[in-house]
Amino acid sequence: MNKKVLVFLAVASFLAGACAKSQTSATGEEAREYIQLWMEKYHPGISANSDGLYILSETEGTGEEWNNQKAYVLVHSTIYSLDGTISSTTDSLLYKQLGTFVPGNYYGPRYQTVGSGYSYAGMDALLKGMKIGGRRKAVIPAWMLTTSRYDTQAEYIKNCTLTSHLIYEITLEGQTDDPEKDAADFLANYVHQNYGYDIQSVSYITDEEPDGTFWFISDISGFNEEDKLSETASIEINYTGKLAKNGTIFDTTLSKVAKDNRIYDNSRSYVPLSATMASSYSEITVDQSSSYINGFKGGLHLMHWKGQKAVVLFTSKHGYSSSGSGNAIPGYAPLIFEIEILK
């Protein structure tokens, strides 16, 4: 091994050990010395900017500049340790290269709350000056990996209790004060483009006015009023659920759909589900469970005939809110369900 590399590793090991032992203000100084040595070795010529970040690469965007008064950003991101280990990413190509890509999982930009108490100071510093569509990669030093805010770099370093530095690579896709409103606007445009401009938002809650967050589309021209199901009818249904923004199917009762979309799971059965209707959407049960999301039950509540098919679209207000669900549904995701009551 090259002697210079051995010397560097020895210094790095010493510094890492020193940082690990100390939880005092000296930790920040030791972390600062370490990252300076690391940068000199692997990225000579790149100096820290006024926010303490080391910008490794940048592609300028063409959209509006990031506004730190906006509560949320929509970003693609990949986070690395200094040795290149990826701790998280939204990049499907990287998952494929790593051999961990899973069809049906969501790979794409995610909303992140920014500001004191929510995001790292280093993340906000990374966003500073970026425009939508822009891409930036930078080393965020340990003292900037805090949700607290200080006036100077010296104060950040003084209050540092971490020893690990991270590399962030982000693409700024958007910014907003209200992801829910953005999703509602997206669904309105989606519905009008795909189903016509005469379609209006509805509500499945008695005496509640539509607010543009829930849409129900069903052709009932072939059904008769006298053939309506009773309020407490027991029925069987098939459904397919997908993300509205990219069309990824995350769940279905139909084996062919599951196989075609590479989400087939040998451990489960692809059969129609039993459902019991009710006078209120909240009391509807599916497979004897009432825990299905409101948007799904609300769609069923508006269906009244055997053989009826419907497309139900709704924002996260009626779905999985800001938290999403597992790896398949991100926070604030608008969803589409295709539902059929079997004859």
Protein backbone atom coordinates (compact mmCIF):
# COMPACT_ATOMS: atom_id res chain seq x y z
CA MET A 1 0.00 0.00 0.00
CA ASN A 2 1.18 3.53 -0.73
CA LYS A 3 2.98 5.05 2.29
CA LYS A 4 1.00 8.29 2.01
CA VAL A 5 -2.23 6.35 2.19
CA LEU A 6 -0.99 4.51 5.28
CA VAL A 7 -0.08 7.80 6.93
CA PHE A 8 -3.47 9.26 6.06
CA LEU A 9 -5.31 6.20 7.40
CA ALA A 10 -3.31 6.36 10.60
CA VAL A 11 -4.19 10.03 11.07
CA ALA A 12 -7.81 9.33 10.19
CA SER A 13 -7.95 6.47 12.67
CA PHE A 14 -6.47 8.68 15.38
CA LEU A 15 -8.90 11.49 14.69
CA ALA A 16 -11.91 9.18 14.54
CA GLY A 17 -10.90 7.61 17.83
CA ALA A 18 -10.40 11.00 19.43
CA CYS A 19 -13.79 12.21 18.26
CA ALA A 20 -15.47 9.04 19.50
CA LYS A 21 -13.98 9.52 22.99
CA SER A 22 -14.91 13.19 23.34
CA GLN A 23 -18.40 14.59 23.72
CA THR A 24 -17.14 18.08 24.59
CA SER A 25 -16.80 21.10 22.32
CA ALA A 26 -13.42 19.72 21.25
CA THR A 27 -15.28 17.12 19.20
CA GLY A 28 -16.14 19.73 16.60
CA GLU A 29 -12.51 20.85 16.27
CA GLU A 30 -11.33 17.27 15.87
CA ALA A 31 -14.05 16.62 13.30
CA ARG A 32 -13.00 19.77 11.44
CA GLU A 33 -9.37 18.66 11.34
CA TYR A 34 -10.37 15.23 10.09
CA ILE A 35 -12.52 16.48 7.21
CA GLN A 36 -9.84 18.94 6.16
CA LEU A 37 -7.33 16.09 5.92
CA TRP A 38 -9.83 13.94 4.04
CA MET A 39 -10.61 16.69 1.54
CA GLU A 40 -6.92 17.40 0.97
CA LYS A 41 -6.40 13.73 0.19
CA TYR A 42 -9.43 12.98 -2.00
CA HIS A 43 -10.59 16.36 -3.29
CA PRO A 44 -7.59 18.70 -3.26
CA GLY A 45 -8.35 22.24 -4.29
CA ILE A 46 -11.93 22.29 -2.96
CA SER A 47 -12.40 24.58 0.01
CA ALA A 48 -15.33 24.88 2.37
CA ASN A 49 -17.87 27.57 1.53
CA SER A 50 -19.18 30.09 4.03
CA ASP A 51 -21.68 27.51 5.35
CA GLY A 52 -18.95 24.94 5.94
CA LEU A 53 -19.93 22.69 3.02
CA TYR A 54 -17.57 21.30 0.41
CA ILE A 55 -19.34 21.45 -2.97
CA LEU A 56 -18.08 18.52 -5.05
CA SER A 57 -20.17 19.04 -8.18
CA GLU A 58 -23.13 21.08 -9.37
CA THR A 59 -25.50 21.39 -12.31
CA GLU A 60 -27.59 24.54 -12.29
CA GLY A 61 -31.35 24.24 -12.63
CA THR A 62 -33.61 26.32 -14.82
CA GLY A 63 -36.60 26.77 -12.51
CA GLU A 64 -37.27 29.14 -9.65
CA GLU A 65 -34.69 29.46 -6.90
CA TRP A 66 -35.21 27.70 -3.58
CA ASN A 67 -37.16 29.88 -1.19
CA ASN A 68 -36.29 29.13 2.43
CA GLN A 69 -39.73 30.37 3.44
CA LYS A 70 -41.33 27.36 1.74
CA ALA A 71 -42.04 24.59 4.23
CA TYR A 72 -41.31 21.64 1.94
CA VAL A 73 -38.94 20.66 -0.82
CA LEU A 74 -39.37 17.76 -3.24
CA VAL A 75 -35.97 16.17 -3.76
CA HIS A 76 -34.18 13.20 -5.21
CA SER A 77 -31.39 12.34 -2.79
CA THR A 78 -28.55 9.93 -2.23
CA ILE A 79 -26.58 9.93 1.02
CA TYR A 80 -23.10 8.41 1.25
CA SER A 81 -20.59 7.92 4.01
CA LEU A 82 -17.09 9.14 3.22
CA ASP A 83 -16.05 5.62 2.16
CA GLY A 84 -18.77 5.61 -0.51
CA THR A 85 -21.29 3.41 1.31
CA ILE A 86 -24.83 4.41 0.38
CA SER A 87 -27.09 4.77 3.41
CA SER A 88 -30.18 5.87 1.48
CA THR A 89 -31.22 6.84 -2.03
CA THR A 90 -34.28 7.56 -4.14
CA ASP A 91 -32.47 6.55 -7.34
CA SER A 92 -33.90 3.37 -8.92
CA LEU A 93 -30.79 2.95 -11.07
CA LEU A 94 -28.60 2.71 -7.98
CA TYR A 95 -30.92 0.09 -6.49
CA LYS A 96 -30.60 -1.91 -9.71
CA GLN A 97 -26.82 -1.59 -9.67
CA LEU A 98 -26.77 -2.73 -6.05
CA GLY A 99 -29.07 -5.64 -6.89
CA THR A 100 -31.72 -4.50 -4.40
CA PHE A 101 -34.36 -3.11 -6.78
CA VAL A 102 -37.88 -4.29 -5.86
CA PRO A 103 -40.73 -3.86 -8.40
CA GLY A 104 -43.68 -2.16 -6.72
CA ASN A 105 -41.51 -0.10 -4.40
CA TYR A 106 -41.44 3.65 -4.87
CA TYR A 107 -38.31 5.18 -6.33
CA GLY A 108 -38.52 8.89 -6.89
CA PRO A 109 -38.43 12.30 -5.25
CA ARG A 110 -39.83 12.69 -1.76
CA TYR A 111 -41.14 15.64 0.19
CA GLN A 112 -38.95 16.83 3.01
CA THR A 113 -39.81 19.44 5.61
CA VAL A 114 -37.09 22.07 5.85
CA GLY A 115 -36.15 24.54 8.53
CA SER A 116 -35.02 24.59 12.15
CA GLY A 117 -36.16 21.56 14.08
CA TYR A 118 -36.94 19.59 10.90
CA SER A 119 -33.99 19.35 8.53
CA TYR A 120 -30.26 19.34 9.03
CA ALA A 121 -28.65 22.76 8.88
CA GLY A 122 -26.38 21.26 6.23
CA MET A 123 -29.37 20.29 4.09
CA ASP A 124 -30.68 23.84 4.14
CA ALA A 125 -27.19 25.13 3.33
CA LEU A 126 -27.01 22.67 0.44
CA LEU A 127 -30.29 23.99 -0.95
CA LYS A 128 -29.21 27.63 -0.70
CA GLY A 129 -29.00 29.14 -4.19
CA MET A 130 -30.26 26.01 -5.94
CA LYS A 131 -32.89 26.27 -8.67
CA ILE A 132 -35.53 23.69 -9.47
CA GLY A 133 -34.03 21.09 -11.77
CA GLY A 134 -30.59 21.68 -10.32
CA ARG A 135 -28.31 19.00 -8.94
CA ARG A 136 -25.69 19.41 -6.25
CA LYS A 137 -23.28 17.07 -4.46
CA ALA A 138 -21.45 18.13 -1.34
CA VAL A 139 -19.73 16.96 1.80
CA ILE A 140 -21.77 18.03 4.82
CA PRO A 141 -19.48 18.15 7.87
CA ALA A 142 -20.53 16.57 11.14
CA TRP A 143 -21.28 19.87 12.88
CA MET A 144 -23.87 20.74 10.22
CA LEU A 145 -25.75 17.48 10.78
CA THR A 146 -27.98 19.06 13.38
CA THR A 147 -31.56 20.35 13.32
CA SER A 148 -30.51 23.24 15.58
CA ARG A 149 -29.52 26.59 14.10
CA TYR A 150 -26.65 28.86 15.09
CA ASP A 151 -25.42 32.16 13.74
CA THR A 152 -21.84 31.19 12.96
CA GLN A 153 -19.77 28.18 11.91
CA ALA A 154 -17.79 28.57 15.12
CA GLU A 155 -20.96 28.00 17.14
CA TYR A 156 -21.86 24.93 15.06
CA ILE A 157 -18.39 23.48 15.64
CA LYS A 158 -18.50 24.33 19.35
CA ASN A 159 -21.82 22.51 19.77
CA CYS A 160 -20.87 19.50 17.62
CA THR A 161 -21.24 16.08 19.28
CA LEU A 162 -21.01 13.99 16.11
CA THR A 163 -17.99 12.52 14.39
CA SER A 164 -19.41 11.27 11.08
CA HIS A 165 -19.40 13.41 7.95
CA LEU A 166 -21.78 12.64 5.08
CA ILE A 167 -21.93 13.24 1.35
CA TYR A 168 -25.31 14.42 0.08
CA GLU A 169 -26.29 14.41 -3.59
CA ILE A 170 -29.65 16.01 -4.29
CA THR A 171 -31.77 17.12 -7.21
CA LEU A 172 -34.33 19.80 -6.40
CA GLU A 173 -37.61 18.81 -8.07
CA GLY A 174 -39.97 21.31 -6.46
CA GLN A 175 -40.94 23.33 -3.40
CA THR A 176 -44.25 24.11 -1.76
CA ASP A 177 -46.02 25.22 1.38
CA ASP A 178 -48.74 22.58 0.94
CA PRO A 179 -48.07 19.15 -0.61
CA GLU A 180 -51.73 18.23 -0.14
CA LYS A 181 -52.89 21.13 -2.30
CA ASP A 182 -50.28 20.26 -4.93
CA ALA A 183 -51.62 16.68 -4.98
CA ALA A 184 -55.21 17.93 -5.32
CA ASP A 185 -54.20 20.14 -8.25
CA PHE A 186 -52.41 17.18 -9.84
CA LEU A 187 -55.48 14.95 -9.51
CA ALA A 188 -57.80 17.59 -10.94
CA ASN A 189 -55.58 17.91 -13.99
CA TYR A 190 -55.23 14.12 -14.25
CA VAL A 191 -58.97 13.56 -14.12
CA HIS A 192 -59.77 16.30 -16.62
CA GLN A 193 -57.10 15.10 -19.03
CA ASN A 194 -58.11 11.44 -18.83
CA TYR A 195 -61.84 11.50 -18.12
CA GLY A 196 -63.11 14.88 -19.27
CA TYR A 197 -63.59 18.35 -17.93
CA ASP A 198 -67.19 17.70 -16.86
CA ILE A 199 -66.06 15.40 -14.04
CA GLN A 200 -66.28 17.05 -10.63
CA SER A 201 -64.77 16.22 -7.26
CA VAL A 202 -67.19 14.53 -4.83
CA SER A 203 -67.40 13.62 -1.14
CA TYR A 204 -68.22 10.27 0.44
CA ILE A 205 -68.97 11.87 3.81
CA THR A 206 -72.58 12.85 4.46
CA ASP A 207 -73.17 16.61 4.50
CA GLU A 208 -69.55 17.39 3.65
CA GLU A 209 -68.86 19.51 0.60
CA PRO A 210 -66.29 18.28 -1.96
CA ASP A 211 -62.90 19.92 -1.51
CA GLY A 212 -61.05 18.66 -4.58
CA THR A 213 -59.18 15.90 -2.75
CA PHE A 214 -61.45 12.95 -3.70
CA TRP A 215 -62.68 11.88 -7.13
CA PHE A 216 -65.04 9.06 -8.10
CA ILE A 217 -65.57 7.95 -11.69
CA SER A 218 -68.04 5.21 -12.63
CA ASP A 219 -70.31 4.59 -15.60
CA ILE A 220 -73.67 3.59 -14.11
CA SER A 221 -75.74 4.04 -17.25
CA GLY A 222 -76.40 0.29 -17.52
CA PHE A 223 -77.73 -0.14 -14.00
CA ASN A 224 -81.30 0.21 -12.69
CA GLU A 225 -82.32 1.92 -9.48
CA GLU A 226 -84.32 -1.09 -8.32
CA ASP A 227 -81.24 -3.32 -8.58
CA LYS A 228 -79.21 -1.38 -6.03
CA LEU A 229 -77.49 -3.35 -3.33
CA SER A 230 -78.83 -3.01 0.19
CA GLU A 231 -76.90 -0.76 2.58
CA THR A 232 -75.53 -3.78 4.43
CA ALA A 233 -74.94 -6.07 1.43
CA SER A 234 -72.18 -8.66 1.52
CA ILE A 235 -70.16 -8.49 -1.68
CA GLU A 236 -66.94 -9.62 -3.29
CA ILE A 237 -64.53 -7.16 -4.87
CA ASN A 238 -61.37 -7.01 -6.93
CA TYR A 239 -59.13 -3.98 -6.85
CA THR A 240 -55.82 -2.61 -8.08
CA GLY A 241 -54.02 0.24 -6.34
CA LYS A 242 -51.39 2.46 -7.93
CA LEU A 243 -49.51 5.69 -7.42
CA ALA A 244 -51.19 8.48 -9.34
CA LYS A 245 -48.01 10.33 -10.27
CA ASN A 246 -46.05 7.52 -11.92
CA GLY A 247 -48.59 4.71 -12.34
CA THR A 248 -46.63 2.18 -10.26
CA ILE A 249 -48.97 -0.61 -9.13
CA PHE A 250 -48.34 -1.45 -5.49
CA ASP A 251 -51.21 -3.86 -4.72
CA THR A 252 -53.87 -5.92 -6.46
CA THR A 253 -56.17 -8.89 -5.96
CA LEU A 254 -55.61 -10.00 -9.57
CA SER A 255 -52.80 -12.49 -10.14
CA LYS A 256 -52.33 -11.50 -13.80
CA VAL A 257 -51.92 -7.84 -12.89
CA ALA A 258 -49.46 -8.80 -10.15
CA LYS A 259 -47.41 -10.95 -12.53
CA ASP A 260 -47.49 -8.40 -15.34
CA ASN A 261 -46.18 -5.75 -12.95
CA ARG A 262 -43.65 -8.05 -11.28
CA ILE A 263 -45.16 -7.73 -7.80
CA TYR A 264 -46.51 -11.28 -7.60
CA ASP A 265 -46.01 -12.80 -4.17
CA ASN A 266 -46.17 -16.60 -3.81
CA SER A 267 -46.98 -16.29 -0.13
CA ARG A 268 -50.37 -14.63 -0.66
CA SER A 269 -53.57 -15.56 -2.45
CA TYR A 270 -54.90 -13.51 -5.35
CA VAL A 271 -58.62 -13.89 -4.87
CA PRO A 272 -61.54 -11.46 -4.55
CA LEU A 273 -62.00 -9.94 -1.12
CA SER A 274 -65.20 -10.17 0.87
CA ALA A 275 -66.68 -6.85 1.95
CA THR A 276 -69.69 -5.83 3.98
CA MET A 277 -71.32 -2.54 3.08
CA ALA A 278 -72.75 -0.14 5.66
CA SER A 279 -74.73 3.07 5.93
CA SER A 280 -71.50 4.93 6.70
CA TYR A 281 -68.17 4.54 4.90
CA SER A 282 -66.38 4.22 8.24
CA GLU A 283 -68.33 1.06 9.11
CA ILE A 284 -67.53 -0.79 5.89
CA THR A 285 -65.39 -3.87 6.47
CA VAL A 286 -63.13 -5.62 3.99
CA ASP A 287 -62.08 -9.15 4.90
CA GLN A 288 -63.67 -8.47 8.30
CA SER A 289 -61.37 -5.51 8.86
CA SER A 290 -62.34 -1.86 9.13
CA SER A 291 -58.74 -0.65 9.00
CA TYR A 292 -58.64 0.01 5.24
CA ILE A 293 -57.87 3.62 4.37
CA ASN A 294 -60.79 6.04 4.17
CA GLY A 295 -60.36 6.77 0.47
CA PHE A 296 -60.76 3.10 -0.40
CA LYS A 297 -63.79 2.62 1.85
CA GLY A 298 -65.22 5.91 0.60
CA GLY A 299 -65.03 4.63 -2.97
CA LEU A 300 -66.83 1.42 -2.00
CA HIS A 301 -69.48 3.47 -0.19
CA LEU A 302 -70.36 5.19 -3.48
CA MET A 303 -70.77 1.89 -5.36
CA HIS A 304 -74.25 0.33 -5.43
CA TRP A 305 -74.51 -2.46 -8.03
CA LYS A 306 -73.14 -5.90 -8.72
CA GLY A 307 -70.86 -5.64 -11.74
CA GLN A 308 -70.13 -1.96 -11.16
CA LYS A 309 -66.60 -0.73 -11.80
CA ALA A 310 -65.15 2.51 -10.49
CA VAL A 311 -61.95 4.51 -10.50
CA VAL A 312 -61.31 6.26 -7.19
CA LEU A 313 -58.65 8.95 -6.88
CA PHE A 314 -57.68 10.77 -3.71
CA THR A 315 -54.93 12.67 -1.96
CA SER A 316 -53.06 11.51 1.12
CA LYS A 317 -55.73 13.17 3.27
CA HIS A 318 -57.81 10.06 2.54
CA GLY A 319 -54.83 7.71 2.36
CA TYR A 320 -51.51 7.45 4.16
CA SER A 321 -50.93 11.10 5.04
CA SER A 322 -47.39 12.44 5.39
CA SER A 323 -45.90 9.13 6.50
CA GLY A 324 -46.77 6.97 3.49
CA SER A 325 -46.84 3.19 3.81
CA GLY A 326 -43.77 0.97 3.78
CA ASN A 327 -41.49 1.15 0.77
CA ALA A 328 -44.30 1.33 -1.77
CA ILE A 329 -46.17 4.54 -0.94
CA PRO A 330 -44.31 7.77 -0.13
CA GLY A 331 -45.65 10.52 2.07
CA TYR A 332 -48.27 12.82 0.54
CA ALA A 333 -48.80 10.41 -2.36
CA PRO A 334 -52.08 10.73 -4.31
CA LEU A 335 -53.49 7.27 -5.06
CA ILE A 336 -55.71 5.63 -7.66
CA PHE A 337 -57.79 2.52 -7.01
CA GLU A 338 -59.68 0.58 -9.65
CA ILE A 339 -62.47 -1.31 -7.88
CA GLU A 340 -64.99 -3.82 -9.20
CA ILE A 341 -67.96 -5.37 -7.40
CA LEU A 342 -68.22 -8.86 -8.84
CA LYS A 343 -71.46 -10.12 -10.30
